[in-house]
Amino acid sequence: MSSILISAVDIGTTKVCAVIAEVHEDPYLRSELKIIGVGQARNTGMREVVTHIEKTTDSVKAALEEAEIMAGVSVDRVYVGISGGHIKATTYPGVVAVAEDEISRFDLQRVHEVAQAVAHPPDRELLHAIPQDYIVDHQPGIKDPISMVGTRLETEVYLVTCSASASENIRKSVQRAGYRVQELVLEPLAAARAALTEDEKEVGVALVDMGACTTDLAAYYDGEIRHIAVIPVGGITVTNDLVKGLSIPFAEAKKTKEHFGVAFAQMVDPQETVELPGPSPGQKQHVARELIAHIVEQRLDEIFGLVQSELEKQGLLNKLGAGIVLTGGASSLYGTVELARQVFAVPVRAGVSSEGIGGLADSVGRPKFATATGLVLYGYDRFEQTGEGASTITSGILSKVGSWLKEFF
């Protein structure tokens, strides 16, 4: 039997996550997406951009091969996430005269093209053009103008661009691993696709995707994306603070954060201590766990403060009826949700991928997998709309041949 496969890879600063999903087509029901393979690999070739192509290539290859082995298939193309301080997003208007008595898809296409007709510098690449509200004959707030009567159609399109060299180096790393980049997708948009509901987007919600080097923000209101920002502080900063505050090596600080770190110091017993390596080789020291929590809390409080300032600057903080949703590996520390509730004074929850997927959904049901799962869901949406963007495997033999050809070339 033939299988339609959609695969994605999230290339992070410390790890690469790969997800493979199968589209199960039912002639009587809507197609269903099933997670069939998940892979992870450590990455040391990435910061906000690719810093070492060979290391990034090896990590992408390792993560995807692990996912392929779990799924028992091979894929040839992947959706890939991109983020970093080089991301820029701006809203541009477009206006056209309606060609006939009613607004058609042709009119919609024309007004989008007008809004996108912006001269980008040669070092910038357009990632997304997201239509927002429409205006028909000066009447705002129109969601779908198709078939409406009018003579003038206006819109605003949210254009997201990235550094052309940053995107090209990501493509090169994936291609050298033996895969085709089907599309680059902004990571906070992908995470939002996995972790947010349509109801939350309607009443107002902000997704805060906490990575190792950056914290990405995607704010929605009235069902549309309203603001995207990349804050250049992430989980590695917390680890560096522990290195300085506890006088321990970076690797030990990372372990300390993962095993003993708490984001909200009030949740720690003041009498509890943990044993850590001392400043000199062979030495040990007993450290109050409350001290570790205070160090972690101070940095996360600063990160949340920067997010809050960004939302206030855009006039969005008082529009978040559904509050804040946290995703990303750095949001997994115990007490992070509680700290965020105190800082933002709005509802806060951890964002996990559960709706719209089946199969091994529990394997990706954690905040750190939100982006990778969102990339697969994004690809699924594309497949539903266009019938393109998927790998098709017809047998185990062909799967092995495809894998051999990738290795050979």
Protein backbone atom coordinates (compact mmCIF):
# COMPACT_ATOMS: atom_id res chain seq x y z
CA MET A 1 0.00 0.00 0.00
CA SER A 2 1.14 3.57 -0.67
CA SER A 3 1.74 5.89 2.27
CA ILE A 4 1.68 9.67 2.10
CA LEU A 5 4.31 10.98 4.49
CA ILE A 6 4.93 14.46 5.84
CA SER A 7 8.18 15.09 7.68
CA ALA A 8 9.70 18.02 9.51
CA VAL A 9 12.87 18.99 11.30
CA ASP A 10 13.35 21.62 14.01
CA ILE A 11 17.02 22.69 14.03
CA GLY A 12 17.70 24.14 17.45
CA THR A 13 20.80 25.44 19.18
CA THR A 14 21.30 22.39 21.39
CA LYS A 15 19.25 19.70 19.62
CA VAL A 16 17.57 18.74 16.37
CA CYS A 17 14.06 17.25 16.53
CA ALA A 18 12.61 15.32 13.59
CA VAL A 19 9.03 14.11 13.18
CA ILE A 20 7.51 11.93 10.48
CA ALA A 21 3.74 11.66 10.10
CA GLU A 22 1.53 9.57 7.84
CA VAL A 23 -1.59 10.95 6.18
CA HIS A 24 -4.32 8.32 6.38
CA GLU A 25 -6.83 9.11 3.64
CA ASP A 26 -10.42 7.98 4.19
CA PRO A 27 -12.86 8.52 1.28
CA TYR A 28 -15.70 9.12 3.76
CA LEU A 29 -13.91 11.15 6.45
CA ARG A 30 -11.37 13.96 6.63
CA SER A 31 -7.82 12.75 6.30
CA GLU A 32 -6.10 11.90 9.58
CA LEU A 33 -2.51 12.68 10.53
CA LYS A 34 -0.63 10.01 12.48
CA ILE A 35 2.81 10.47 14.05
CA ILE A 36 4.86 7.38 13.13
CA GLY A 37 8.45 8.46 13.78
CA VAL A 38 10.33 10.80 16.14
CA GLY A 39 14.07 11.45 16.29
CA GLN A 40 16.46 13.66 18.26
CA ALA A 41 20.13 14.50 17.97
CA ARG A 42 22.49 16.81 19.84
CA ASN A 43 23.52 19.89 17.85
CA THR A 44 26.59 22.07 18.29
CA GLY A 45 26.61 23.74 14.88
CA MET A 46 23.86 26.30 15.43
CA ARG A 47 23.27 29.51 17.33
CA GLU A 48 20.73 31.93 15.93
CA VAL A 49 22.17 30.98 12.54
CA VAL A 50 24.21 28.03 11.29
CA THR A 51 27.75 28.36 12.65
CA HIS A 52 29.12 25.00 11.46
CA ILE A 53 27.53 23.37 8.42
CA GLU A 54 29.14 19.94 8.87
CA LYS A 55 28.00 19.60 12.49
CA THR A 56 24.50 20.81 11.66
CA THR A 57 24.34 18.42 8.69
CA ASP A 58 25.37 15.49 10.89
CA SER A 59 22.74 16.38 13.51
CA VAL A 60 19.96 16.72 10.92
CA LYS A 61 20.93 13.40 9.37
CA ALA A 62 21.07 11.62 12.73
CA ALA A 63 17.68 12.93 13.90
CA LEU A 64 15.92 12.13 10.63
CA GLU A 65 17.47 8.67 10.37
CA GLU A 66 16.30 7.89 13.92
CA ALA A 67 12.79 8.99 12.98
CA GLU A 68 12.95 6.93 9.76
CA ILE A 69 14.02 3.82 11.65
CA MET A 70 11.16 4.24 14.13
CA ALA A 71 8.69 4.78 11.29
CA GLY A 72 10.11 2.04 9.05
CA VAL A 73 10.16 4.37 6.04
CA SER A 74 12.42 6.82 4.24
CA VAL A 75 11.46 10.38 3.31
CA ASP A 76 12.92 12.68 0.70
CA ARG A 77 11.65 16.13 1.72
CA VAL A 78 11.12 18.00 4.98
CA TYR A 79 9.56 21.16 6.33
CA VAL A 80 12.24 23.07 8.25
CA GLY A 81 11.91 25.69 10.99
CA ILE A 82 13.81 28.98 11.02
CA SER A 83 14.12 31.70 13.65
CA GLY A 84 16.63 34.17 15.06
CA GLY A 85 17.27 37.86 15.48
CA HIS A 86 17.47 38.32 11.70
CA ILE A 87 13.69 37.76 11.38
CA LYS A 88 11.68 40.88 10.54
CA ALA A 89 7.91 41.27 10.16
CA THR A 90 6.00 44.26 8.78
CA THR A 91 2.43 44.91 7.68
CA TYR A 92 1.91 46.29 4.17
CA PRO A 93 -1.40 47.48 2.64
CA GLY A 94 -2.87 46.59 -0.74
CA VAL A 95 -5.85 48.00 -2.65
CA VAL A 96 -7.46 47.10 -5.99
CA ALA A 97 -10.61 47.90 -7.92
CA VAL A 98 -12.97 44.90 -8.12
CA ALA A 99 -13.03 43.56 -11.70
CA GLU A 100 -16.66 42.37 -11.78
CA ASP A 101 -19.84 42.91 -9.76
CA GLU A 102 -18.69 40.40 -7.11
CA ILE A 103 -15.29 39.88 -5.49
CA SER A 104 -13.62 36.81 -6.97
CA ARG A 105 -10.55 34.78 -6.13
CA PHE A 106 -8.80 36.66 -8.91
CA ASP A 107 -9.44 39.94 -7.07
CA LEU A 108 -8.16 38.37 -3.85
CA GLN A 109 -4.99 37.22 -5.60
CA ARG A 110 -4.43 40.68 -7.10
CA VAL A 111 -4.79 42.54 -3.79
CA HIS A 112 -2.33 40.11 -2.18
CA GLU A 113 0.14 40.69 -5.01
CA VAL A 114 -0.15 44.46 -4.63
CA ALA A 115 0.54 44.22 -0.88
CA GLN A 116 3.53 41.97 -1.51
CA ALA A 117 5.01 44.18 -4.24
CA VAL A 118 7.63 45.53 -1.88
CA ALA A 119 11.24 45.85 -2.95
CA HIS A 120 13.21 43.66 -0.53
CA PRO A 121 16.99 44.15 -0.31
CA PRO A 122 19.01 41.37 -1.96
CA ASP A 123 20.11 40.10 1.45
CA ARG A 124 16.48 39.49 2.57
CA GLU A 125 14.19 36.55 1.71
CA LEU A 126 10.40 36.53 2.00
CA LEU A 127 9.25 33.68 4.25
CA HIS A 128 5.52 34.32 4.71
CA ALA A 129 2.86 36.66 3.38
CA ILE A 130 -0.10 36.34 5.76
CA PRO A 131 -3.31 38.19 4.81
CA GLN A 132 -5.09 39.80 7.72
CA ASP A 133 -8.44 41.61 7.66
CA TYR A 134 -10.06 42.82 4.44
CA ILE A 135 -11.88 46.08 3.77
CA VAL A 136 -14.68 46.17 1.18
CA ASP A 137 -15.79 49.66 0.10
CA HIS A 138 -14.32 51.12 3.32
CA GLN A 139 -16.14 48.53 5.45
CA PRO A 140 -13.48 46.93 7.76
CA GLY A 141 -13.36 43.61 9.60
CA ILE A 142 -14.18 41.36 6.63
CA LYS A 143 -12.75 37.86 7.05
CA ASP A 144 -13.67 36.33 3.67
CA PRO A 145 -14.68 38.78 0.92
CA ILE A 146 -15.25 36.13 -1.79
CA SER A 147 -18.64 36.63 -3.54
CA MET A 148 -19.33 39.88 -1.70
CA VAL A 149 -20.58 42.85 -3.72
CA GLY A 150 -18.20 45.80 -3.86
CA THR A 151 -16.07 48.02 -6.06
CA ARG A 152 -12.94 48.44 -3.90
CA LEU A 153 -11.00 45.74 -2.04
CA GLU A 154 -8.28 46.48 0.51
CA THR A 155 -6.19 44.30 2.76
CA GLU A 156 -3.15 44.27 4.99
CA VAL A 157 -0.60 41.51 4.53
CA TYR A 158 1.87 40.57 7.26
CA LEU A 159 5.20 40.03 5.50
CA VAL A 160 7.84 37.99 7.34
CA THR A 161 11.40 38.10 5.99
CA CYS A 162 14.70 36.55 7.02
CA SER A 163 18.37 36.86 6.22
CA ALA A 164 18.99 35.27 2.81
CA SER A 165 22.35 33.87 3.91
CA ALA A 166 20.85 32.37 7.09
CA SER A 167 18.11 30.59 5.12
CA GLU A 168 20.54 29.39 2.47
CA ASN A 169 22.89 27.86 5.06
CA ILE A 170 19.96 25.99 6.65
CA ARG A 171 18.94 24.66 3.23
CA LYS A 172 22.52 23.66 2.51
CA SER A 173 22.81 21.75 5.80
CA VAL A 174 19.59 19.82 5.14
CA GLN A 175 20.44 19.12 1.51
CA ARG A 176 23.88 17.81 2.44
CA ALA A 177 22.15 15.46 4.87
CA GLY A 178 20.32 14.02 1.84
CA TYR A 179 16.93 15.71 2.04
CA ARG A 180 15.07 18.38 0.11
CA VAL A 181 13.75 21.43 1.95
CA GLN A 182 10.08 21.59 1.02
CA GLU A 183 9.58 24.92 2.77
CA LEU A 184 11.14 27.06 5.48
CA VAL A 185 8.62 27.98 8.17
CA LEU A 186 8.98 30.56 10.92
CA GLU A 187 9.28 28.57 14.15
CA PRO A 188 6.86 30.54 16.36
CA LEU A 189 4.19 30.19 13.65
CA ALA A 190 4.80 26.43 13.57
CA ALA A 191 4.69 26.15 17.37
CA ALA A 192 1.46 28.17 17.38
CA ARG A 193 -0.07 25.78 14.84
CA ALA A 194 0.55 22.90 17.24
CA ALA A 195 -0.11 24.50 20.62
CA LEU A 196 -2.88 27.07 20.09
CA THR A 197 -6.58 26.54 19.44
CA GLU A 198 -8.69 28.61 17.06
CA ASP A 199 -10.79 29.83 20.00
CA GLU A 200 -7.65 31.13 21.75
CA LYS A 201 -6.59 32.99 18.62
CA GLU A 202 -10.01 34.63 18.43
CA VAL A 203 -10.08 35.99 21.99
CA GLY A 204 -6.38 36.85 22.05
CA VAL A 205 -3.35 34.75 22.99
CA ALA A 206 0.43 35.04 22.95
CA LEU A 207 2.68 32.07 22.30
CA VAL A 208 6.08 32.33 24.00
CA ASP A 209 8.48 29.77 22.52
CA MET A 210 11.51 29.52 24.84
CA GLY A 211 14.55 28.14 23.07
CA ALA A 212 18.19 27.91 24.04
CA CYS A 213 19.38 31.19 22.51
CA THR A 214 16.18 33.06 21.74
CA THR A 215 12.63 33.47 23.01
CA ASP A 216 10.13 33.79 20.16
CA LEU A 217 6.82 35.61 20.53
CA ALA A 218 3.73 35.21 18.34
CA ALA A 219 0.64 37.17 19.40
CA TYR A 220 -2.84 36.53 17.97
CA TYR A 221 -6.02 38.52 18.26
CA ASP A 222 -9.37 38.31 16.45
CA GLY A 223 -8.20 35.10 14.79
CA GLU A 224 -5.13 36.59 13.07
CA ILE A 225 -1.43 36.95 13.76
CA ARG A 226 -0.81 40.49 15.04
CA HIS A 227 2.81 40.54 16.11
CA ILE A 228 5.99 38.46 15.88
CA ALA A 229 9.18 39.19 17.79
CA VAL A 230 12.44 37.41 18.56
CA ILE A 231 14.03 38.20 21.94
CA PRO A 232 17.76 37.31 21.99
CA VAL A 233 17.73 35.59 25.40
CA GLY A 234 17.01 31.93 26.13
CA GLY A 235 17.75 28.89 28.25
CA ILE A 236 21.53 28.98 27.75
CA THR A 237 21.60 32.29 29.62
CA VAL A 238 20.12 30.53 32.65
CA THR A 239 22.85 27.88 32.44
CA ASN A 240 25.55 30.59 32.21
CA ASP A 241 24.10 32.27 35.30
CA LEU A 242 24.43 28.98 37.21
CA VAL A 243 28.05 28.65 36.05
CA LYS A 244 28.87 32.04 37.54
CA GLY A 245 26.63 31.85 40.59
CA LEU A 246 27.70 28.36 41.69
CA SER A 247 31.30 28.30 40.32
CA ILE A 248 30.75 25.05 38.41
CA PRO A 249 31.58 24.00 34.82
CA PHE A 250 29.02 24.58 32.06
CA ALA A 251 28.21 20.87 31.66
CA GLU A 252 27.55 20.54 35.41
CA ALA A 253 25.46 23.72 35.37
CA LYS A 254 23.31 22.24 32.61
CA LYS A 255 22.77 19.05 34.64
CA THR A 256 22.01 21.11 37.75
CA LYS A 257 19.40 23.13 35.87
CA GLU A 258 17.74 20.00 34.49
CA HIS A 259 17.77 17.97 37.74
CA PHE A 260 17.40 20.61 40.46
CA GLY A 261 16.30 23.79 38.69
CA VAL A 262 13.01 25.39 39.76
CA ALA A 263 11.70 28.56 38.14
CA PHE A 264 9.65 29.75 41.13
CA ALA A 265 11.67 29.88 44.34
CA GLN A 266 8.55 29.82 46.55
CA MET A 267 8.02 26.20 45.49
CA VAL A 268 11.32 25.03 47.04
CA ASP A 269 11.87 23.84 50.62
CA PRO A 270 14.37 26.33 52.17
CA GLN A 271 16.00 23.47 54.10
CA GLU A 272 16.74 21.30 51.04
CA THR A 273 20.35 21.06 49.83
CA VAL A 274 21.96 19.30 46.86
CA GLU A 275 25.51 18.07 46.32
CA LEU A 276 27.38 19.65 43.40
CA PRO A 277 31.02 19.61 42.20
CA GLY A 278 33.25 22.17 43.91
CA PRO A 279 35.46 24.82 42.29
CA SER A 280 38.49 22.51 42.28
CA PRO A 281 38.73 19.00 40.78
CA GLY A 282 37.52 16.32 43.19
CA GLN A 283 35.84 18.79 45.54
CA LYS A 284 32.17 18.67 46.48
CA GLN A 285 29.92 21.41 47.77
CA HIS A 286 26.47 21.42 49.35
CA VAL A 287 24.24 24.10 47.89
CA ALA A 288 20.78 25.17 49.01
CA ARG A 289 18.30 24.29 46.30
CA GLU A 290 16.61 27.59 47.05
CA LEU A 291 19.77 29.39 45.84
CA ILE A 292 19.59 27.52 42.52
CA ALA A 293 15.93 28.46 42.24
CA HIS A 294 16.65 32.14 42.89
CA ILE A 295 19.28 32.21 40.13
CA VAL A 296 16.93 30.53 37.67
CA GLU A 297 13.96 32.68 38.68
CA GLN A 298 15.84 35.96 38.28
CA ARG A 299 16.79 35.20 34.67
CA LEU A 300 13.39 33.81 33.65
CA ASP A 301 11.71 36.78 35.32
CA GLU A 302 13.87 39.05 33.13
CA ILE A 303 12.93 37.11 29.98
CA PHE A 304 9.24 37.30 30.80
CA GLY A 305 9.67 41.01 31.55
CA LEU A 306 11.09 41.55 28.05
CA VAL A 307 8.15 39.66 26.54
CA GLN A 308 5.72 41.73 28.61
CA SER A 309 7.36 44.98 27.46
CA GLU A 310 7.10 43.87 23.83
CA LEU A 311 3.39 43.09 24.21
CA GLU A 312 2.74 46.40 25.99
CA LYS A 313 4.61 48.32 23.29
CA GLN A 314 2.32 46.77 20.65
CA GLY A 315 -0.82 47.44 22.71
CA LEU A 316 -1.59 43.72 22.92
CA LEU A 317 -1.19 42.87 26.61
CA ASN A 318 -4.75 43.87 27.49
CA LYS A 319 -6.15 41.90 24.53
CA LEU A 320 -4.94 38.46 25.66
CA GLY A 321 -8.22 36.97 26.77
CA ALA A 322 -6.75 33.47 26.54
CA GLY A 323 -3.47 34.54 28.17
CA ILE A 324 -0.04 33.08 27.50
CA VAL A 325 0.98 29.66 26.16
CA LEU A 326 4.56 28.50 26.82
CA THR A 327 6.45 26.16 24.50
CA GLY A 328 10.09 25.24 23.90
CA GLY A 329 12.60 23.25 25.92
CA ALA A 330 13.46 26.14 28.24
CA SER A 331 9.83 26.32 29.40
CA SER A 332 9.96 22.77 30.79
CA LEU A 333 11.55 23.74 34.13
CA TYR A 334 9.33 23.07 37.11
CA GLY A 335 7.56 26.23 38.21
CA THR A 336 7.90 28.13 34.90
CA VAL A 337 4.13 28.34 34.40
CA GLU A 338 3.63 29.59 37.97
CA LEU A 339 6.30 32.28 37.54
CA ALA A 340 4.78 33.40 34.23
CA ARG A 341 1.35 33.72 35.88
CA GLN A 342 2.84 36.03 38.50
CA VAL A 343 4.66 38.18 35.91
CA PHE A 344 1.90 38.52 33.30
CA ALA A 345 -1.12 38.39 35.63
CA VAL A 346 -3.08 36.50 32.93
CA PRO A 347 -3.88 32.79 32.44
CA VAL A 348 -0.78 30.76 31.52
CA ARG A 349 -0.51 27.15 30.38
CA ALA A 350 2.13 24.85 28.90
CA GLY A 351 1.66 24.31 25.17
CA VAL A 352 1.60 20.69 24.06
CA SER A 353 0.63 19.15 20.73
CA SER A 354 -2.44 16.97 21.05
CA GLU A 355 -5.26 18.17 18.80
CA GLY A 356 -5.46 16.98 15.21
CA ILE A 357 -2.87 14.20 15.46
CA GLY A 358 -2.92 10.49 16.21
CA GLY A 359 -0.47 7.61 16.25
CA LEU A 360 2.49 8.28 18.56
CA ALA A 361 0.99 11.59 19.71
CA ASP A 362 2.21 10.98 23.28
CA SER A 363 5.81 10.97 22.00
CA VAL A 364 5.51 14.62 20.96
CA GLY A 365 3.17 15.75 23.75
CA ARG A 366 5.76 17.98 25.41
CA PRO A 367 6.53 21.70 24.98
CA LYS A 368 9.94 21.02 23.42
CA PHE A 369 8.30 19.18 20.51
CA ALA A 370 5.75 21.90 19.74
CA THR A 371 7.75 23.41 16.87
CA ALA A 372 8.58 20.10 15.16
CA THR A 373 4.98 18.90 15.48
CA GLY A 374 3.71 22.26 14.28
CA LEU A 375 5.91 21.98 11.20
CA VAL A 376 4.30 18.62 10.38
CA LEU A 377 0.83 20.11 10.91
CA TYR A 378 1.79 23.05 8.69
CA GLY A 379 2.84 20.58 5.99
CA TYR A 380 -0.42 18.70 6.49
CA ASP A 381 -2.38 21.92 5.90
CA ARG A 382 -0.39 22.51 2.72
CA PHE A 383 -1.12 18.97 1.54
CA GLU A 384 -4.83 19.41 2.24
CA GLN A 385 -4.88 22.64 0.23
CA THR A 386 -2.65 21.73 -2.71
CA GLY A 387 -1.98 17.98 -2.63
CA GLU A 388 1.76 18.77 -2.61
CA GLY A 389 4.64 18.67 -0.15
CA ALA A 390 4.54 15.01 0.88
CA SER A 391 6.76 11.99 0.31
CA THR A 392 5.09 8.89 -1.13
CA ILE A 393 6.47 5.47 -0.26
CA THR A 394 4.92 2.49 -2.03
CA SER A 395 6.85 -0.39 -0.45
CA GLY A 396 9.58 -1.27 1.98
CA ILE A 397 11.89 -2.17 -0.92
CA LEU A 398 11.53 1.24 -2.53
CA SER A 399 12.08 2.81 0.83
CA LYS A 400 15.42 1.05 1.15
CA VAL A 401 16.40 1.97 -2.42
CA GLY A 402 15.58 5.63 -1.71
CA SER A 403 17.73 5.51 1.42
CA TRP A 404 20.60 3.93 -0.53
CA LEU A 405 20.41 6.57 -3.26
CA LYS A 406 20.52 9.36 -0.67
CA GLU A 407 23.60 7.80 0.90
CA PHE A 408 25.28 7.26 -2.48
CA PHE A 409 24.75 10.76 -3.85
